[in-house]
Protein backbone atom coordinates (compact mmCIF):
# COMPACT_ATOMS: atom_id res chain seq x y z
CA MET A 1 61.19 113.95 137.90
CA ALA A 2 63.70 112.40 135.58
CA LYS A 3 67.07 113.42 135.67
CA LYS A 4 68.25 115.34 132.42
CA ARG A 5 70.79 113.52 130.39
CA ARG A 6 73.75 115.66 129.75
CA PRO A 7 73.98 116.45 126.09
CA GLN A 8 76.75 114.35 124.25
CA THR A 9 79.49 116.07 122.57
CA LYS A 10 80.81 114.77 119.26
CA ALA A 11 84.10 113.59 119.04
CA ALA A 12 86.43 116.33 117.47
CA ALA A 13 87.48 115.54 113.86
CA PRO A 14 90.83 116.22 112.86
CA ARG A 15 91.36 118.91 110.76
CA PRO A 16 92.82 118.53 107.30
CA GLY A 17 96.46 118.98 107.84
CA ASP A 18 96.45 117.82 111.72
CA GLY A 19 98.78 115.04 112.33
CA PRO A 20 97.54 111.69 113.78
CA ILE A 21 95.71 111.37 117.07
CA PRO A 22 98.26 109.71 119.35
CA VAL A 23 97.12 106.40 121.33
CA VAL A 24 96.86 107.31 125.05
CA GLY A 25 95.22 105.32 128.04
CA ALA A 26 91.74 104.55 127.45
CA ARG A 27 90.49 106.50 130.58
CA GLN A 28 92.70 109.76 129.84
CA PRO A 29 91.55 112.83 128.18
CA CYS A 30 91.69 112.53 124.13
CA PRO A 31 94.38 114.33 122.54
CA CYS A 32 92.14 115.88 120.01
CA GLY A 33 91.02 118.20 122.63
CA SER A 34 87.43 117.36 122.70
CA GLY A 35 87.10 116.81 126.45
CA ARG A 36 86.17 113.38 126.45
CA ARG A 37 87.92 110.33 127.42
CA TYR A 38 90.02 108.74 124.90
CA LYS A 39 87.98 105.28 124.90
CA ALA A 40 84.57 107.53 124.22
CA CYS A 41 86.41 109.47 121.30
CA HIS A 42 89.10 108.71 118.90
CA GLY A 43 89.86 105.62 120.95
CA HIS A 44 86.61 104.01 120.01
CA ALA A 45 87.24 104.40 116.39
CA ALA A 46 91.01 103.01 116.63
CA THR A 47 89.89 100.07 119.07
CA HIS A 48 86.98 99.08 116.44
CA ALA A 49 89.07 99.17 113.45
CA ALA A 50 91.98 97.42 115.31
CA THR A 51 89.80 94.51 116.37
CA GLU A 52 88.52 93.70 113.11
CA LEU A 53 88.68 89.84 112.97
CA ALA A 54 91.23 88.89 110.32
CA GLN A 55 89.83 85.35 109.02
CA ARG A 56 93.15 83.95 107.87
CA PRO A 57 95.77 85.87 109.71
CA PHE A 58 98.74 83.78 108.77
CA GLU A 59 97.84 83.82 104.81
CA GLY A 60 100.50 85.01 102.72
CA LEU A 61 103.35 83.69 105.09
CA PRO A 62 105.31 80.87 104.04
CA GLY A 63 103.89 77.67 105.85
CA GLU A 64 100.72 78.99 106.49
CA ALA A 65 99.57 75.68 107.84
CA ASP A 66 102.51 75.24 110.19
CA TRP A 67 101.90 78.83 111.36
CA VAL A 68 98.24 77.58 112.55
CA ALA A 69 99.54 74.37 113.86
CA LEU A 70 102.06 75.96 116.18
CA ARG A 71 99.62 78.40 117.24
CA GLU A 72 97.00 75.76 118.15
CA LEU A 73 98.31 72.47 118.25
CA VAL A 74 102.19 72.01 119.28
CA PRO A 75 103.31 72.44 122.91
CA ALA A 76 106.83 73.19 122.29
CA ALA A 77 108.29 74.28 118.79
CA THR A 78 110.56 76.87 117.55
CA ALA A 79 111.28 77.99 114.04
CA GLU A 80 113.87 80.60 112.74
CA LEU A 81 112.26 83.89 111.40
CA HIS A 82 113.91 85.84 108.35
CA LEU A 83 113.38 89.54 108.10
CA LYS A 84 113.16 91.43 104.89
CA GLY A 85 116.20 93.19 104.66
CA GLY A 86 118.01 90.83 107.13
CA LEU A 87 118.70 91.45 110.64
CA PRO A 88 119.40 94.87 112.44
CA GLU A 89 122.48 95.31 113.95
CA GLY A 90 123.02 93.74 117.48
CA VAL A 91 120.56 90.98 116.69
CA PRO A 92 121.87 87.89 115.90
CA SER A 93 118.76 85.95 115.14
CA VAL A 94 114.87 85.91 115.39
CA THR A 95 113.05 82.89 116.71
CA LEU A 96 109.46 81.76 116.85
CA ALA A 97 108.40 80.11 119.83
CA THR A 98 104.91 78.41 120.90
CA VAL A 99 105.54 79.78 124.29
CA LEU A 100 107.72 81.47 126.47
CA PRO A 101 108.32 81.46 130.28
CA MET A 102 105.61 83.30 132.31
CA ALA A 103 103.70 83.88 128.81
CA TRP A 104 106.09 86.65 127.92
CA PRO A 105 104.98 88.10 124.69
CA ALA A 106 108.78 88.33 123.63
CA LEU A 107 112.14 87.97 125.18
CA ARG A 108 115.25 89.68 124.16
CA ARG A 109 118.26 87.54 125.08
CA ASP A 110 121.43 88.68 126.88
CA ASN A 111 123.08 88.10 123.47
CA GLY A 112 120.83 90.37 121.69
CA ALA A 113 118.65 87.19 120.19
CA VAL A 114 114.80 87.51 120.05
CA LEU A 115 112.38 85.18 121.14
CA LEU A 116 108.66 85.73 119.77
CA GLY A 117 106.10 84.11 121.48
CA LEU A 118 103.16 82.64 119.37
CA GLN A 119 100.44 81.27 121.75
CA ASN A 120 99.71 84.42 123.77
CA ASP A 121 96.54 86.10 123.97
CA THR A 122 96.38 89.20 121.64
CA ALA A 123 94.80 92.63 122.13
CA THR A 124 93.06 92.75 118.69
CA GLY A 125 91.40 90.45 115.99
CA ASP A 126 94.23 90.34 114.03
CA ILE A 127 97.09 87.84 115.50
CA SER A 128 99.48 88.99 112.58
CA ARG A 129 99.32 92.52 113.39
CA ASP A 130 99.86 91.86 117.14
CA LEU A 131 102.77 89.81 116.57
CA ALA A 132 104.29 92.32 114.23
CA ASP A 133 104.22 95.22 116.75
CA THR A 134 105.69 92.92 119.60
CA LEU A 135 108.40 91.80 117.21
CA ARG A 136 109.21 95.32 116.29
CA ARG A 137 109.21 96.19 119.90
CA ALA A 138 111.50 93.27 120.79
CA LEU A 139 114.05 94.24 118.22
CA VAL A 140 114.80 97.62 119.99
CA ALA A 141 114.43 96.12 123.47
CA GLU A 142 117.16 96.25 125.95
CA PRO A 143 119.12 92.94 125.91
CA GLY A 144 118.01 90.73 128.86
CA THR A 145 114.66 91.71 129.01
CA PRO A 146 111.08 90.63 128.23
CA VAL A 147 108.62 92.37 126.20
CA ALA A 148 105.34 93.11 127.68
CA ALA A 149 102.31 93.05 125.42
CA GLU A 150 100.79 96.70 124.40
CA ARG A 151 97.82 97.94 122.48
CA THR A 152 98.16 98.11 118.71
CA THR A 153 96.88 100.51 116.39
CA ALA A 154 94.87 99.49 113.12
CA ASP A 155 97.31 100.89 110.78
CA GLY A 156 100.59 98.96 112.06
CA PRO A 157 102.46 96.55 110.34
CA ARG A 158 101.46 92.88 109.87
CA LEU A 159 103.85 89.81 109.96
CA GLN A 160 103.69 89.88 106.16
CA ASP A 161 105.25 93.13 105.78
CA LEU A 162 108.19 92.22 108.13
CA LEU A 163 109.26 88.66 107.14
CA ASP A 164 110.85 87.54 104.05
CA PRO A 165 108.18 85.85 101.67
CA ALA A 166 110.92 83.73 100.11
CA ALA A 167 112.71 82.40 103.09
CA PRO A 168 111.70 78.99 104.54
CA PHE A 169 109.63 78.10 107.55
CA GLU A 170 110.70 75.09 109.15
CA PRO A 171 109.57 74.41 112.54
CA VAL A 172 111.49 72.18 115.01
CA VAL A 173 109.38 70.42 117.37
CA HIS A 174 110.91 69.93 120.97
CA THR A 175 110.23 67.30 123.45
CA GLY A 176 110.34 70.10 126.21
CA PHE A 177 111.11 73.64 126.65
CA GLU A 178 114.83 73.63 127.37
CA PHE A 179 114.94 76.29 124.27
CA TRP A 180 113.82 78.95 127.13
CA ILE A 181 117.14 79.13 128.37
CA GLU A 182 120.64 78.87 127.08
CA ASN A 183 122.88 76.02 128.66
CA ALA A 184 119.65 74.30 130.05
CA GLU A 185 121.67 71.31 130.78
CA ASN A 186 123.40 73.28 133.48
CA ALA A 187 120.22 74.79 134.90
CA GLY A 188 119.56 73.98 138.77
CA GLY A 189 117.20 75.01 141.54
CA GLU A 190 113.90 76.84 140.80
CA VAL A 191 114.71 77.19 137.04
CA ALA A 192 115.33 73.14 136.66
CA ALA A 193 111.97 72.62 138.95
CA SER A 194 110.25 75.26 136.46
CA LEU A 195 111.52 73.31 133.36
CA GLU A 196 110.36 70.14 134.64
CA ARG A 197 106.68 70.57 135.62
CA ALA A 198 106.34 72.64 132.13
CA ASN A 199 107.84 69.48 130.37
CA ALA A 200 105.49 67.19 132.34
CA ALA A 201 102.57 69.10 130.93
CA ALA A 202 103.73 69.02 127.33
CA ILE A 203 101.88 66.39 125.21
CA PRO A 204 104.43 64.55 122.99
CA THR A 205 104.03 65.65 119.36
CA ALA A 206 105.86 65.05 116.38
CA ARG A 207 105.54 66.78 112.79
CA LEU A 208 105.40 64.72 109.74
CA SER A 209 107.98 65.14 107.19
CA SER A 210 106.23 63.56 104.22
CA VAL A 211 103.29 66.30 104.27
CA GLU A 212 102.95 69.84 104.94
CA GLY A 213 101.08 70.81 108.27
CA ALA A 214 100.40 67.51 109.77
CA TYR A 215 101.24 66.63 113.41
CA TRP A 216 101.06 63.27 115.29
CA CYS A 217 100.45 63.49 119.01
CA GLU A 218 100.13 60.84 121.74
CA VAL A 219 97.25 61.08 124.29
CA PRO A 220 96.13 58.56 126.91
CA GLY A 221 94.64 55.50 125.37
CA LYS A 222 95.22 56.56 121.73
CA ASN A 223 97.24 58.91 119.40
CA HIS A 224 95.97 61.31 116.95
CA LEU A 225 96.95 62.80 113.53
CA ARG A 226 95.73 66.36 113.18
CA TRP A 227 96.38 67.74 109.54
CA VAL A 228 96.21 71.61 108.97
CA MET A 229 95.15 72.03 105.15
CA THR A 230 94.92 75.00 103.34
CA HIS A 231 92.41 73.96 100.50
CA PRO A 232 89.32 75.95 100.48
CA GLU A 233 86.96 74.53 102.97
CA GLU A 234 84.01 73.44 101.09
CA GLU A 235 86.05 71.96 98.36
CA LEU A 236 88.35 69.86 101.09
CA LEU A 237 85.23 68.71 103.03
CA ASP A 238 83.66 67.44 99.50
CA ALA A 239 86.74 65.64 98.66
CA LEU A 240 87.10 64.26 102.29
CA ALA A 241 83.58 62.79 101.61
CA ARG A 242 84.09 61.41 98.43
CA LEU A 243 87.34 59.40 100.12
CA HIS A 244 85.34 58.65 103.19
CA ALA A 245 82.25 57.12 101.26
CA ALA A 246 84.83 54.98 99.17
CA GLY A 247 86.46 53.40 102.39
CA THR A 248 89.66 55.20 101.52
CA SER A 249 89.85 58.04 104.07
CA SER A 250 91.83 56.10 106.92
CA LEU A 251 95.68 55.81 107.02
CA GLY A 252 95.97 52.25 107.79
CA GLU A 253 94.53 49.63 109.77
CA GLY A 254 92.86 50.70 112.88
CA THR A 255 92.91 54.25 111.82
CA ARG A 256 89.76 56.43 111.32
CA LEU A 257 89.04 59.82 110.18
CA VAL A 258 86.83 61.18 112.75
CA GLY A 259 86.18 64.67 111.63
CA SER A 260 87.54 68.28 111.70
CA PHE A 261 87.70 71.52 113.10
CA ARG A 262 88.52 75.19 112.01
CA ALA A 263 91.21 77.05 113.13
CA HIS A 264 92.23 80.64 111.81
CA GLY A 265 90.46 80.03 108.61
CA LEU A 266 92.00 76.61 107.66
CA THR A 267 90.34 73.34 108.11
CA VAL A 268 92.12 70.64 110.21
CA PRO A 269 91.14 66.89 109.76
CA VAL A 270 91.74 64.72 112.62
CA TRP A 271 92.39 60.97 112.75
CA ASP A 272 92.35 58.69 115.61
CA LEU A 273 95.30 56.02 115.89
CA PRO A 274 95.89 53.20 117.83
CA GLY A 275 98.45 53.81 120.65
CA SER A 276 100.93 51.57 119.11
CA VAL A 277 101.05 53.80 115.98
CA GLY A 278 103.79 56.47 116.20
CA ALA A 279 104.57 59.23 113.99
CA ALA A 280 106.93 57.22 111.71
CA ASP A 281 104.18 54.90 111.21
CA VAL A 282 102.02 57.36 109.50
CA GLU A 283 104.70 59.01 107.13
CA LYS A 284 103.92 56.53 104.07
CA PRO A 285 100.16 56.30 104.66
CA ALA A 286 99.76 60.23 105.06
CA ALA A 287 101.73 60.64 101.50
CA ALA A 288 99.54 58.08 100.06
CA PHE A 289 96.49 59.74 101.43
CA ALA A 290 97.87 63.24 100.05
CA GLU A 291 97.61 61.68 96.54
CA ARG A 292 94.12 60.34 96.96
CA LEU A 293 92.93 63.74 98.43
CA ALA A 294 94.52 65.46 95.35
CA GLY A 295 92.55 63.19 92.89
CA ALA A 296 89.07 63.69 94.92
CA LEU A 297 89.85 67.39 94.84
CA ALA A 298 90.20 67.50 90.96
CA ALA A 299 86.82 65.60 90.61
CA GLY A 300 84.21 68.03 89.18
CA THR A 301 81.05 65.61 89.51
CA PRO A 302 78.44 66.51 91.99
CA LEU A 303 78.55 64.39 95.35
CA THR A 304 76.30 61.13 95.17
CA ALA A 305 73.99 60.30 97.73
CA ASP A 306 76.45 58.14 100.02
CA GLU A 307 78.87 61.11 99.51
CA ARG A 308 76.46 63.55 100.78
CA ARG A 309 75.61 61.29 103.64
CA ALA A 310 79.37 60.99 104.45
CA ARG A 311 80.11 64.76 104.33
CA ASN A 312 77.07 65.53 106.84
CA GLY A 313 78.73 63.05 108.88
CA LEU A 314 82.13 64.49 109.05
CA THR A 315 80.96 67.90 109.27
CA SER A 316 78.57 67.15 112.26
CA ARG A 317 81.56 65.89 114.24
CA GLN A 318 82.90 68.52 116.44
CA VAL A 319 86.25 67.70 117.13
CA THR A 320 88.02 69.33 120.13
CA LEU A 321 91.63 70.20 120.52
CA ASN A 322 92.50 68.14 123.42
């Protein structure tokens, strides 16, 4: 005889005037008093809302393209962050870092300065909200302590709510991870060994100064230029196809536009470069390409047959990050 299923009770909805339901552990009783576990009651709705994917989590921040690049492309980089209303007392600075030791989400230095890690896994589908939650907790953490990851709520602030939109965002690319510790030149023992291992694994990378969002990197056998662009994807792909069909999509002799990929809602075209071509060698060609791209973006005519073939070729090439 089949076992009878226990009737499922509905989650008790908060009554008008009740306060918000606190966030508790997934397996703990729900604070609403339903008798069910939090994950099966109000936690289900909170988790669903909090995990809704933000297609462009860094949209609206100064330097959106650089935020995406630092999240996905750059091994070692930092950028000073400016908060709305200024820094709280006891916090001399807030610095975004691509990655922190032990993959910590954030770190409060002994002197009160805050380091916020960007390349960590996040708990929800909105990286901006997760980072904002970590930043807020780091600002009040005890000096000299790391900040652990925690679940965030769907109604918490995002980076766009905390950071000054008028302040510049100026990433600094490093050759290694010495920014992890103060007075790194005096490090010894296991600290020095850890730095050496981390530095050895970092792909040499440089940020171009002539255009926004473009990063050169060195890999065995050849180099790449990966350029994060904020133009609408379909319009950008059409423009790239126009240039490719016209033979003007390269960055100079021996270079080739090989395709693109998408990252956090933005399109990232990728060029193969000869191993002898350094970052400084593509500054002027990249600036010239940006001018050609602006003209192609402004073209209002439909794509020709050759341009459509070029577009199909570019979009069919799945470029990986490594």
